PDB file of N, CA and C in Angstrom:
ATOM      1  N   MET A   1       0.812  -1.174   0.000  1.00  0.00           N
ATOM      2  CA  MET A   1       0.000   0.000   0.000  1.00  0.00           C
ATOM      3  C   MET A   1       0.862   1.247   0.000  1.00  0.00           C
ATOM      4  N   SER A   2       2.020   1.095   0.431  1.00  0.00           N
ATOM      5  CA  SER A   2       2.920   2.231   0.418  1.00  0.00           C
ATOM      6  C   SER A   2       3.234   2.672  -1.001  1.00  0.00           C
ATOM      7  N   SER A   3       3.314   1.715  -1.918  1.00  0.00           N
ATOM      8  CA  SER A   3       3.562   2.078  -3.310  1.00  0.00           C
ATOM      9  C   SER A   3       2.373   2.822  -3.889  1.00  0.00           C
ATOM     10  N   GLU A   4       1.152   2.442  -3.476  1.00  0.00           N
ATOM     11  CA  GLU A   4      -0.033   3.172  -3.930  1.00  0.00           C
ATOM     12  C   GLU A   4      -0.061   4.569  -3.346  1.00  0.00           C
ATOM     13  N   ASP A   5       0.336   4.673  -2.088  1.00  0.00           N
ATOM     14  CA  ASP A   5       0.395   5.989  -1.442  1.00  0.00           C
ATOM     15  C   ASP A   5       1.432   6.874  -2.140  1.00  0.00           C
ATOM     16  N   ASP A   6       2.554   6.263  -2.458  1.00  0.00           N
ATOM     17  CA  ASP A   6       3.592   7.013  -3.168  1.00  0.00           C
ATOM     18  C   ASP A   6       3.099   7.466  -4.532  1.00  0.00           C
ATOM     19  N   LEU A   7       2.387   6.597  -5.218  1.00  0.00           N
ATOM     20  CA  LEU A   7       1.864   6.963  -6.534  1.00  0.00           C
ATOM     21  C   LEU A   7       0.849   8.082  -6.417  1.00  0.00           C
ATOM     22  N   LYS A   8      -0.019   7.988  -5.406  1.00  0.00           N
ATOM     23  CA  LYS A   8      -1.026   9.032  -5.212  1.00  0.00           C
ATOM     24  C   LYS A   8      -0.359  10.353  -4.819  1.00  0.00           C
ATOM     25  N   LYS A   9       0.594  10.246  -3.936  1.00  0.00           N
ATOM     26  CA  LYS A   9       1.300  11.461  -3.507  1.00  0.00           C
ATOM     27  C   LYS A   9       2.208  11.977  -4.628  1.00  0.00           C
ATOM     28  N   GLY A  10       2.777  11.066  -5.407  1.00  0.00           N
ATOM     29  CA  GLY A  10       3.699  11.441  -6.481  1.00  0.00           C
ATOM     30  C   GLY A  10       2.982  12.080  -7.644  1.00  0.00           C
ATOM     31  N   ALA A  11       1.783  11.696  -7.904  1.00  0.00           N
ATOM     32  CA  ALA A  11       1.058  12.247  -9.045  1.00  0.00           C
ATOM     33  C   ALA A  11       0.826  13.734  -8.889  1.00  0.00           C
ATOM     34  N   PRO A  12       0.306  14.183  -7.754  1.00  0.00           N
ATOM     35  CA  PRO A  12       0.122  15.621  -7.631  1.00  0.00           C
ATOM     36  C   PRO A  12       1.444  16.380  -7.676  1.00  0.00           C
ATOM     37  N   ARG A  13       2.468  15.753  -7.074  1.00  0.00           N
ATOM     38  CA  ARG A  13       3.773  16.417  -7.133  1.00  0.00           C
ATOM     39  C   ARG A  13       4.229  16.561  -8.575  1.00  0.00           C
ATOM     40  N   GLY A  14       4.088  15.526  -9.352  1.00  0.00           N
ATOM     41  CA  GLY A  14       4.473  15.564 -10.757  1.00  0.00           C
ATOM     42  C   GLY A  14       3.691  16.628 -11.502  1.00  0.00           C
ATOM     43  N   GLU A  15       2.415  16.740 -11.198  1.00  0.00           N
ATOM     44  CA  GLU A  15       1.611  17.763 -11.859  1.00  0.00           C
ATOM     45  C   GLU A  15       2.068  19.148 -11.438  1.00  0.00           C
ATOM     46  N   ASP A  16       2.370  19.305 -10.145  1.00  0.00           N
ATOM     47  CA  ASP A  16       2.865  20.605  -9.664  1.00  0.00           C
ATOM     48  C   ASP A  16       4.187  20.954 -10.332  1.00  0.00           C
ATOM     49  N   GLU A  17       5.067  19.964 -10.426  1.00  0.00           N
ATOM     50  CA  GLU A  17       6.363  20.207 -11.053  1.00  0.00           C
ATOM     51  C   GLU A  17       6.194  20.533 -12.527  1.00  0.00           C
ATOM     52  N   SER A  18       5.316  19.828 -13.208  1.00  0.00           N
ATOM     53  CA  SER A  18       5.117  20.116 -14.632  1.00  0.00           C
ATOM     54  C   SER A  18       4.447  21.470 -14.807  1.00  0.00           C
ATOM     55  N   ASP A  19       3.534  21.821 -13.891  1.00  0.00           N
ATOM     56  CA  ASP A  19       2.908  23.136 -13.966  1.00  0.00           C
ATOM     57  C   ASP A  19       3.949  24.230 -13.760  1.00  0.00           C
ATOM     58  N   SER A  20       4.828  24.046 -12.793  1.00  0.00           N
ATOM     59  CA  SER A  20       5.856  25.058 -12.555  1.00  0.00           C
ATOM     60  C   SER A  20       6.814  25.117 -13.742  1.00  0.00           C
ATOM     61  N   GLY A  21       7.145  23.959 -14.332  1.00  0.00           N
ATOM     62  CA  GLY A  21       7.982  23.941 -15.532  1.00  0.00           C
ATOM     63  C   GLY A  21       7.278  24.623 -16.683  1.00  0.00           C
ATOM     64  N   TRP A  22       6.011  24.423 -16.804  1.00  0.00           N
ATOM     65  CA  TRP A  22       5.214  25.055 -17.852  1.00  0.00           C
ATOM     66  C   TRP A  22       5.176  26.557 -17.646  1.00  0.00           C
ATOM     67  N   LYS A  23       5.012  26.971 -16.399  1.00  0.00           N
ATOM     68  CA  LYS A  23       4.977  28.403 -16.093  1.00  0.00           C
ATOM     69  C   LYS A  23       6.332  29.028 -16.407  1.00  0.00           C
ATOM     70  N   LEU A  24       7.387  28.317 -16.068  1.00  0.00           N
ATOM     71  CA  LEU A  24       8.714  28.838 -16.372  1.00  0.00           C
ATOM     72  C   LEU A  24       8.922  28.971 -17.872  1.00  0.00           C
ATOM     73  N   SER A  25       8.439  28.023 -18.634  1.00  0.00           N
ATOM     74  CA  SER A  25       8.635  28.114 -20.071  1.00  0.00           C
ATOM     75  C   SER A  25       7.802  29.254 -20.663  1.00  0.00           C
ATOM     76  N   TRP A  26       6.588  29.481 -20.129  1.00  0.00           N
ATOM     77  CA  TRP A  26       5.808  30.623 -20.599  1.00  0.00           C
ATOM     78  C   TRP A  26       6.510  31.923 -20.225  1.00  0.00           C
ATOM     79  N   LYS A  27       7.073  31.959 -19.039  1.00  0.00           N
ATOM     80  CA  LYS A  27       7.806  33.157 -18.610  1.00  0.00           C
ATOM     81  C   LYS A  27       9.007  33.382 -19.536  1.00  0.00           C
ATOM     82  N   ARG A  28       9.698  32.316 -19.842  1.00  0.00           N
ATOM     83  CA  ARG A  28      10.842  32.423 -20.750  1.00  0.00           C
ATOM     84  C   ARG A  28      10.400  32.892 -22.133  1.00  0.00           C
ATOM     85  N   PHE A  29       9.277  32.351 -22.586  1.00  0.00           N
ATOM     86  CA  PHE A  29       8.762  32.750 -23.891  1.00  0.00           C
ATOM     87  C   PHE A  29       8.433  34.238 -23.913  1.00  0.00           C
ATOM     88  N   PHE A  30       7.761  34.713 -22.873  1.00  0.00           N
ATOM     89  CA  PHE A  30       7.411  36.131 -22.816  1.00  0.00           C
ATOM     90  C   PHE A  30       8.654  37.014 -22.674  1.00  0.00           C
ATOM     91  N   ASP A  31       9.631  36.542 -21.909  1.00  0.00           N
ATOM     92  CA  ASP A  31      10.891  37.285 -21.814  1.00  0.00           C
ATOM     93  C   ASP A  31      11.583  37.354 -23.170  1.00  0.00           C
ATOM     94  N   TYR A  32      11.583  36.235 -23.875  1.00  0.00           N
ATOM     95  CA  TYR A  32      12.188  36.190 -25.202  1.00  0.00           C
ATOM     96  C   TYR A  32      11.459  37.131 -26.158  1.00  0.00           C
ATOM     97  N   ALA A  33      10.128  37.095 -26.127  1.00  0.00           N
ATOM     98  CA  ALA A  33       9.347  37.980 -26.993  1.00  0.00           C
ATOM     99  C   ALA A  33       9.608  39.440 -26.628  1.00  0.00           C
ATOM    100  N   LYS A  34       9.689  39.741 -25.344  1.00  0.00           N
ATOM    101  CA  LYS A  34       9.968  41.118 -24.894  1.00  0.00           C
ATOM    102  C   LYS A  34      11.353  41.563 -25.383  1.00  0.00           C
ATOM    103  N   ASN A  35      12.317  40.664 -25.266  1.00  0.00           N
ATOM    104  CA  ASN A  35      13.671  40.989 -25.727  1.00  0.00           C
ATOM    105  C   ASN A  35      13.696  41.229 -27.230  1.00  0.00           C
ATOM    106  N   LEU A  36      12.956  40.429 -27.985  1.00  0.00           N
ATOM    107  CA  LEU A  36      12.888  40.630 -29.427  1.00  0.00           C
ATOM    108  C   LEU A  36      12.284  41.984 -29.768  1.00  0.00           C
ATOM    109  N   ILE A  37      11.219  42.338 -29.083  1.00  0.00           N
ATOM    110  CA  ILE A  37      10.572  43.633 -29.324  1.00  0.00           C
ATOM    111  C   ILE A  37      11.524  44.769 -28.967  1.00  0.00           C
ATOM    112  N   ASP A  38      12.232  44.612 -27.838  1.00  0.00           N
ATOM    113  CA  ASP A  38      13.214  45.635 -27.452  1.00  0.00           C
ATOM    114  C   ASP A  38      14.316  45.761 -28.503  1.00  0.00           C
ATOM    115  N   LEU A  39      14.777  44.628 -29.020  1.00  0.00           N
ATOM    116  CA  LEU A  39      15.807  44.667 -30.059  1.00  0.00           C
ATOM    117  C   LEU A  39      15.300  45.352 -31.325  1.00  0.00           C
ATOM    118  N   GLU A  40      14.072  45.052 -31.703  1.00  0.00           N
ATOM    119  CA  GLU A  40      13.500  45.708 -32.889  1.00  0.00           C
ATOM    120  C   GLU A  40      13.403  47.210 -32.686  1.00  0.00           C
ATOM    121  N   ARG A  41      13.010  47.627 -31.499  1.00  0.00           N
ATOM    122  CA  ARG A  41      12.945  49.071 -31.207  1.00  0.00           C
ATOM    123  C   ARG A  41      14.334  49.692 -31.263  1.00  0.00           C
ATOM    124  N   SER A  42      15.315  48.981 -30.698  1.00  0.00           N
ATOM    125  CA  SER A  42      16.687  49.503 -30.703  1.00  0.00           C
ATOM    126  C   SER A  42      17.215  49.634 -32.131  1.00  0.00           C
ATOM    127  N   VAL A  43      16.945  48.641 -32.956  1.00  0.00           N
ATOM    128  CA  VAL A  43      17.404  48.690 -34.351  1.00  0.00           C
ATOM    129  C   VAL A  43      16.727  49.842 -35.081  1.00  0.00           C
ATOM    130  N   ALA A  44      15.434  50.027 -34.848  1.00  0.00           N
ATOM    131  CA  ALA A  44      14.724  51.139 -35.494  1.00  0.00           C
ATOM    132  C   ALA A  44      15.295  52.476 -35.038  1.00  0.00           C
ATOM    133  N   ALA A  45      15.596  52.595 -33.741  1.00  0.00           N
ATOM    134  CA  ALA A  45      16.176  53.837 -33.229  1.00  0.00           C
ATOM    135  C   ALA A  45      17.563  54.074 -33.825  1.00  0.00           C
ATOM    136  N   LEU A  46      18.361  53.021 -33.939  1.00  0.00           N
ATOM    137  CA  LEU A  46      19.693  53.159 -34.522  1.00  0.00           C
ATOM    138  C   LEU A  46      19.623  53.553 -35.994  1.00  0.00           C
ATOM    139  N   LYS A  47      18.663  52.977 -36.722  1.00  0.00           N
ATOM    140  CA  LYS A  47      18.502  53.357 -38.129  1.00  0.00           C
ATOM    141  C   LYS A  47      18.131  54.825 -38.244  1.00  0.00           C
ATOM    142  N   SER A  48      17.255  55.283 -37.368  1.00  0.00           N
ATOM    143  CA  SER A  48      16.854  56.691 -37.381  1.00  0.00           C
ATOM    144  C   SER A  48      18.048  57.596 -37.070  1.00  0.00           C
ATOM    145  N   GLN A  49      18.823  57.222 -36.066  1.00  0.00           N
ATOM    146  CA  GLN A  49      20.014  58.007 -35.706  1.00  0.00           C
ATOM    147  C   GLN A  49      21.024  58.001 -36.848  1.00  0.00           C
ATOM    148  N   ASN A  50      21.163  56.873 -37.513  1.00  0.00           N
ATOM    149  CA  ASN A  50      22.095  56.763 -38.636  1.00  0.00           C
ATOM    150  C   ASN A  50      21.698  57.717 -39.759  1.00  0.00           C
ATOM    151  N   LYS A  51      20.402  57.768 -40.077  1.00  0.00           N
ATOM    152  CA  LYS A  51      19.935  58.686 -41.112  1.00  0.00           C
ATOM    153  C   LYS A  51      20.203  60.129 -40.716  1.00  0.00           C
ATOM    154  N   GLU A  52      19.959  60.462 -39.458  1.00  0.00           N
ATOM    155  CA  GLU A  52      20.186  61.832 -38.976  1.00  0.00           C
ATOM    156  C   GLU A  52      21.670  62.191 -39.054  1.00  0.00           C
ATOM    157  N   ILE A  53      22.520  61.277 -38.657  1.00  0.00           N
ATOM    158  CA  ILE A  53      23.964  61.535 -38.697  1.00  0.00           C
ATOM    159  C   ILE A  53      24.434  61.711 -40.137  1.00  0.00           C
ATOM    160  N   ARG A  54      23.913  60.897 -41.038  1.00  0.00           N
ATOM    161  CA  ARG A  54      24.285  61.039 -42.455  1.00  0.00           C
ATOM    162  C   ARG A  54      23.850  62.398 -43.002  1.00  0.00           C
ATOM    163  N   ARG A  55      22.664  62.855 -42.585  1.00  0.00           N
ATOM    164  CA  ARG A  55      22.210  64.190 -43.025  1.00  0.00           C
ATOM    165  C   ARG A  55      23.122  65.279 -42.487  1.00  0.00           C
ATOM    166  N   GLU A  56      23.531  65.147 -41.233  1.00  0.00           N
ATOM    167  CA  GLU A  56      24.425  66.139 -40.632  1.00  0.00           C
ATOM    168  C   GLU A  56      25.822  66.064 -41.236  1.00  0.00           C
ATOM    169  N   LEU A  57      26.209  64.910 -41.703  1.00  0.00           N
ATOM    170  CA  LEU A  57      27.550  64.711 -42.238  1.00  0.00           C
ATOM    171  C   LEU A  57      27.717  65.265 -43.649  1.00  0.00           C
ATOM    172  N   GLN A  58      26.647  65.366 -44.410  1.00  0.00           N
ATOM    173  CA  GLN A  58      26.744  65.828 -45.797  1.00  0.00           C
ATOM    174  C   GLN A  58      27.376  67.217 -45.918  1.00  0.00           C
ATOM    175  N   PRO A  59      26.947  68.229 -45.147  1.00  0.00           N
ATOM    176  CA  PRO A  59      27.616  69.535 -45.276  1.00  0.00           C
ATOM    177  C   PRO A  59      29.093  69.481 -44.879  1.00  0.00           C
ATOM    178  N   VAL A  60      29.409  68.696 -43.883  1.00  0.00           N
ATOM    179  CA  VAL A  60      30.805  68.567 -43.459  1.00  0.00           C
ATOM    180  C   VAL A  60      31.630  67.934 -44.578  1.00  0.00           C
ATOM    181  N   GLN A  61      31.056  66.936 -45.241  1.00  0.00           N
ATOM    182  CA  GLN A  61      31.757  66.286 -46.351  1.00  0.00           C
ATOM    183  C   GLN A  61      31.995  67.270 -47.490  1.00  0.00           C
ATOM    184  N   ARG A  62      30.991  68.109 -47.772  1.00  0.00           N
ATOM    185  CA  ARG A  62      31.171  69.117 -48.827  1.00  0.00           C
ATOM    186  C   ARG A  62      32.282  70.096 -48.466  1.00  0.00           C
ATOM    187  N   GLN A  63      32.305  70.544 -47.212  1.00  0.00           N
ATOM    188  CA  GLN A  63      33.361  71.462 -46.777  1.00  0.00           C
ATOM    189  C   GLN A  63      34.726  70.792 -46.882  1.00  0.00           C
ATOM    190  N   LEU A  64      34.787  69.529 -46.494  1.00  0.00           N
ATOM    191  CA  LEU A  64      36.049  68.803 -46.577  1.00  0.00           C
ATOM    192  C   LEU A  64      36.516  68.678 -48.020  1.00  0.00           C
ATOM    193  N   ASP A  65      35.596  68.425 -48.938  1.00  0.00           N
ATOM    194  CA  ASP A  65      35.953  68.354 -50.355  1.00  0.00           C
ATOM    195  C   ASP A  65      36.476  69.696 -50.861  1.00  0.00           C
ATOM    196  N   MET A  66      35.837  70.793 -50.415  1.00  0.00           N
ATOM    197  CA  MET A  66      36.296  72.126 -50.828  1.00  0.00           C
ATOM    198  C   MET A  66      37.701  72.403 -50.300  1.00  0.00           C
ATOM    199  N   VAL A  67      37.932  72.084 -49.036  1.00  0.00           N
ATOM    200  CA  VAL A  67      39.255  72.307 -48.446  1.00  0.00           C
ATOM    201  C   VAL A  67      40.293  71.446 -49.154  1.00  0.00           C
ATOM    202  N   ASN A  68      39.916  70.211 -49.473  1.00  0.00           N
ATOM    203  CA  ASN A  68      40.833  69.321 -50.191  1.00  0.00           C
ATOM    204  C   ASN A  68      41.204  69.911 -51.546  1.00  0.00           C
ATOM    205  N   GLY A  69      40.220  70.457 -52.268  1.00  0.00           N
ATOM    206  CA  GLY A  69      40.499  71.094 -53.550  1.00  0.00           C
ATOM    207  C   GLY A  69      41.413  72.296 -53.398  1.00  0.00           C
ATOM    208  N   GLU A  70      41.158  73.097 -52.355  1.00  0.00           N
ATOM    209  CA  GLU A  70      42.012  74.265 -52.115  1.00  0.00           C
ATOM    210  C   GLU A  70      43.434  73.845 -51.774  1.00  0.00           C
ATOM    211  N   LEU A  71      43.562  72.782 -50.977  1.00  0.00           N
ATOM    212  CA  LEU A  71      44.899  72.301 -50.624  1.00  0.00           C
ATOM    213  C   LEU A  71      45.652  71.791 -51.848  1.00  0.00           C
ATOM    214  N   LYS A  72      44.950  71.132 -52.745  1.00  0.00           N
ATOM    215  CA  LYS A  72      45.596  70.659 -53.968  1.00  0.00           C
ATOM    216  C   LYS A  72      46.092  71.835 -54.800  1.00  0.00           C
ATOM    217  N   ALA A  73      45.264  72.870 -54.918  1.00  0.00           N
ATOM    218  CA  ALA A  73      45.669  74.049 -55.687  1.00  0.00           C
ATOM    219  C   ALA A  73      46.859  74.731 -55.017  1.00  0.00           C
ATOM    220  N   LEU A  74      46.810  74.864 -53.709  1.00  0.00           N
ATOM    221  CA  LEU A  74      47.907  75.496 -52.971  1.00  0.00           C
ATOM    222  C   LEU A  74      49.180  74.667 -53.099  1.00  0.00           C
ATOM    223  N   SER A  75      49.050  73.371 -53.038  1.00  0.00           N
ATOM    224  CA  SER A  75      50.207  72.486 -53.171  1.00  0.00           C
ATOM    225  C   SER A  75      50.842  72.631 -54.551  1.00  0.00           C
ATOM    226  N   LYS A  76      50.006  72.689 -55.585  1.00  0.00           N
ATOM    227  CA  LYS A  76      50.531  72.894 -56.942  1.00  0.00           C
ATOM    228  C   LYS A  76      51.277  74.216 -57.037  1.00  0.00           C
ATOM    229  N   PHE A  77      50.691  75.262 -56.460  1.00  0.00           N
ATOM    230  CA  PHE A  77      51.309  76.581 -56.514  1.00  0.00           C
ATOM    231  C   PHE A  77      52.660  76.565 -55.802  1.00  0.00           C
ATOM    232  N   VAL A  78      52.702  76.012 -54.609  1.00  0.00           N
ATOM    233  CA  VAL A  78      53.946  76.001 -53.825  1.00  0.00           C
ATOM    234  C   VAL A  78      55.000  75.150 -54.524  1.00  0.00           C
ATOM    235  N   SER A  79      54.610  73.969 -55.000  1.00  0.00           N
ATOM    236  CA  SER A  79      55.614  73.127 -55.661  1.00  0.00           C
ATOM    237  C   SER A  79      56.098  73.775 -56.952  1.00  0.00           C
ATOM    238  N   GLY A  80      55.221  74.483 -57.658  1.00  0.00           N
ATOM    239  CA  GLY A  80      55.643  75.216 -58.856  1.00  0.00           C
ATOM    240  C   GLY A  80      56.624  76.325 -58.511  1.00  0.00           C
ATOM    241  N   ALA A  81      56.347  77.058 -57.425  1.00  0.00           N
ATOM    242  CA  ALA A  81      57.250  78.130 -57.000  1.00  0.00           C
ATOM    243  C   ALA A  81      58.606  77.558 -56.579  1.00  0.00           C
ATOM    244  N   ILE A  82      58.581  76.455 -55.878  1.00  0.00           N
ATOM    245  CA  ILE A  82      59.843  75.832 -55.456  1.00  0.00           C
ATOM    246  C   ILE A  82      60.620  75.337 -56.673  1.00  0.00           C
ATOM    247  N   ASP A  83      59.914  74.722 -57.613  1.00  0.00           N
ATOM    248  CA  ASP A  83      60.583  74.254 -58.835  1.00  0.00           C
ATOM    249  C   ASP A  83      61.204  75.424 -59.591  1.00  0.00           C
ATOM    250  N   ASP A  84      60.493  76.547 -59.667  1.00  0.00           N
ATOM    251  CA  ASP A  84      61.030  77.731 -60.346  1.00  0.00           C
ATOM    252  C   ASP A  84      62.287  78.242 -59.642  1.00  0.00           C
ATOM    253  N   LYS A  85      62.285  78.266 -58.314  1.00  0.00           N
ATOM    254  CA  LYS A  85      63.466  78.722 -57.568  1.00  0.00           C
ATOM    255  C   LYS A  85      64.636  77.780 -57.801  1.00  0.00           C
ATOM    256  N   ILE A  86      64.342  76.491 -57.801  1.00  0.00           N
ATOM    257  CA  ILE A  86      65.414  75.511 -58.033  1.00  0.00           C
ATOM    258  C   ILE A  86      65.984  75.685 -59.431  1.00  0.00           C
ATOM    259  N   ASP A  87      65.125  75.852 -60.416  1.00  0.00           N
ATOM    260  CA  ASP A  87      65.602  76.055 -61.787  1.00  0.00           C
ATOM    261  C   ASP A  87      66.446  77.315 -61.887  1.00  0.00           C
ATOM    262  N   ALA A  88      66.028  78.403 -61.226  1.00  0.00           N
ATOM    263  CA  ALA A  88      66.793  79.657 -61.264  1.00  0.00           C
ATOM    264  C   ALA A  88      68.165  79.454 -60.627  1.00  0.00           C
ATOM    265  N   LYS A  89      68.210  78.745 -59.499  1.00  0.00           N
ATOM    266  CA  LYS A  89      69.498  78.522 -58.837  1.00  0.00           C
ATOM    267  C   LYS A  89      70.402  77.631 -59.688  1.00  0.00           C
ATOM    268  N   VAL A  90      69.828  76.644 -60.343  1.00  0.00           N
ATOM    269  CA  VAL A  90      70.623  75.774 -61.212  1.00  0.00           C
ATOM    270  C   VAL A  90      71.183  76.582 -62.380  1.00  0.00           C
ATOM    271  N   ASN A  91      70.342  77.432 -62.969  1.00  0.00           N
ATOM    272  CA  ASN A  91      70.816  78.284 -64.072  1.00  0.00           C
ATOM    273  C   ASN A  91      71.939  79.197 -63.622  1.00  0.00           C
ATOM    274  N   ASN A  92      71.801  79.810 -62.444  1.00  0.00           N
ATOM    275  CA  ASN A  92      72.865  80.685 -61.921  1.00  0.00           C
ATOM    276  C   ASN A  92      74.137  79.889 -61.673  1.00  0.00           C
ATOM    277  N   ALA A  93      74.002  78.683 -61.159  1.00  0.00           N
ATOM    278  CA  ALA A  93      75.191  77.857 -60.919  1.00  0.00           C
ATOM    279  C   ALA A  93      75.863  77.468 -62.229  1.00  0.00           C
ATOM    280  N   GLU A  94      75.056  77.186 -63.256  1.00  0.00           N
ATOM    281  CA  GLU A  94      75.631  76.851 -64.563  1.00  0.00           C
ATOM    282  C   GLU A  94      76.367  78.046 -65.144  1.00  0.00           C
ATOM    283  N   ILE A  95      75.771  79.235 -65.020  1.00  0.00           N
ATOM    284  CA  ILE A  95      76.415  80.453 -65.543  1.00  0.00           C
ATOM    285  C   ILE A  95      77.729  80.688 -64.827  1.00  0.00           C
ATOM    286  N   ARG A  96      77.737  80.565 -63.495  1.00  0.00           N
ATOM    287  CA  ARG A  96      78.981  80.771 -62.740  1.00  0.00           C
ATOM    288  C   ARG A  96      80.032  79.729 -63.118  1.00  0.00           C
ATOM    289  N   ALA A  97      79.594  78.505 -63.352  1.00  0.00           N
ATOM    290  CA  ALA A  97      80.547  77.456 -63.730  1.00  0.00           C
ATOM    291  C   ALA A  97      81.160  77.752 -65.085  1.00  0.00           C
ATOM    292  N   PHE A  98      80.339  78.204 -66.037  1.00  0.00           N
ATOM    293  CA  PHE A  98      80.884  78.553 -67.351  1.00  0.00           C
ATOM    294  C   PHE A  98      81.781  79.785 -67.275  1.00  0.00           C
ATOM    295  N   GLU A  99      81.441  80.732 -66.387  1.00  0.00           N
ATOM    296  CA  GLU A  99      82.304  81.902 -66.223  1.00  0.00           C
ATOM    297  C   GLU A  99      83.652  81.511 -65.639  1.00  0.00           C
ATOM    298  N   ARG A 100      83.676  80.540 -64.751  1.00  0.00           N
ATOM    299  CA  ARG A 100      84.916  80.114 -64.119  1.00  0.00           C
ATOM    300  C   ARG A 100      85.721  79.161 -65.017  1.00  0.00           C
ATOM    301  N   LEU A 101      85.075  78.551 -65.954  1.00  0.00           N
ATOM    302  CA  LEU A 101      85.740  77.565 -66.805  1.00  0.00           C
ATOM    303  C   LEU A 101      86.962  78.132 -67.528  1.00  0.00           C
ATOM    304  N   PRO A 102      86.861  79.328 -68.156  1.00  0.00           N
ATOM    305  CA  PRO A 102      88.073  79.842 -68.825  1.00  0.00           C
ATOM    306  C   PRO A 102      89.217  80.095 -67.855  1.00  0.00           C
ATOM    307  N   SER A 103      88.896  80.608 -66.672  1.00  0.00           N
ATOM    308  CA  SER A 103      89.989  80.862 -65.719  1.00  0.00           C
ATOM    309  C   SER A 103      90.583  79.539 -65.237  1.00  0.00           C
ATOM    310  N   MET A 104      89.774  78.516 -65.117  1.00  0.00           N
ATOM    311  CA  MET A 104      90.289  77.210 -64.707  1.00  0.00           C
ATOM    312  C   MET A 104      91.151  76.607 -65.812  1.00  0.00           C
ATOM    313  N   VAL A 105      90.715  76.812 -67.072  1.00  0.00           N
ATOM    314  CA  VAL A 105      91.486  76.283 -68.191  1.00  0.00           C
ATOM    315  C   VAL A 105      92.807  77.038 -68.297  1.00  0.00           C
ATOM    316  N   ARG A 106      92.770  78.367 -68.149  1.00  0.00           N
ATOM    317  CA  ARG A 106      93.998  79.174 -68.221  1.00  0.00           C
ATOM    318  C   ARG A 106      94.933  78.775 -67.087  1.00  0.00           C
ATOM    319  N   GLY A 107      94.396  78.575 -65.913  1.00  0.00           N
ATOM    320  CA  GLY A 107      95.225  78.191 -64.786  1.00  0.00           C
ATOM    321  C   GLY A 107      95.842  76.832 -64.973  1.00  0.00           C
ATOM    322  N   SER A 108      95.133  75.940 -65.575  1.00  0.00           N
ATOM    323  CA  SER A 108      95.652  74.590 -65.800  1.00  0.00           C
ATOM    324  C   SER A 108      96.732  74.604 -66.899  1.00  0.00           C
ATOM    325  N   THR A 109      96.559  75.492 -67.905  1.00  0.00           N
ATOM    326  CA  THR A 109      97.551  75.558 -68.963  1.00  0.00           C
ATOM    327  C   THR A 109      98.826  76.208 -68.439  1.00  0.00           C
ATOM    328  N   ARG A 110      98.706  77.157 -67.558  1.00  0.00           N
ATOM    329  CA  ARG A 110      99.892  77.775 -66.957  1.00  0.00           C
ATOM    330  C   ARG A 110     100.665  76.745 -66.129  1.00  0.00           C
ATOM    331  N   GLY A 111      99.915  75.908 -65.452  1.00  0.00           N
ATOM    332  CA  GLY A 111     100.595  74.896 -64.678  1.00  0.00           C
ATOM    333  C   GLY A 111     101.288  73.874 -65.575  1.00  0.00           C
ATOM    334  N   ILE A 112     100.741  73.656 -66.755  1.00  0.00           N
ATOM    335  CA  ILE A 112     101.322  72.687 -67.687  1.00  0.00           C
ATOM    336  C   ILE A 112     102.559  73.307 -68.327  1.00  0.00           C
ATOM    337  N   GLU A 113     102.524  74.594 -68.607  1.00  0.00           N
ATOM    338  CA  GLU A 113     103.647  75.247 -69.285  1.00  0.00           C
ATOM    339  C   GLU A 113     104.860  75.194 -68.510  1.00  0.00           C
TER     340      GLU A 113
END
């Protein structure tokens, strides 16, 4: 009779345990659904923020492009000016070398004589 008592006592316990397991799974399901909804809201908010940031970024990008163009023009101007100075100095050095050449040749011929 003890086995019958155990079965009778065990049955309600089993039902209680399954009910609590069932309640836990429903709770988990609702938590999961809540988390999914929260994630969807977060993604929607992030998409909205992304669009706003892109709108704010467009004028900055245009300004950056303008500055980049100005820097390229300035760089061309400066490198052209430097190239012109270098060419002028090279020309002056060539002229001085040719001016000194006859005196160097005369000096070398005197030493040979």
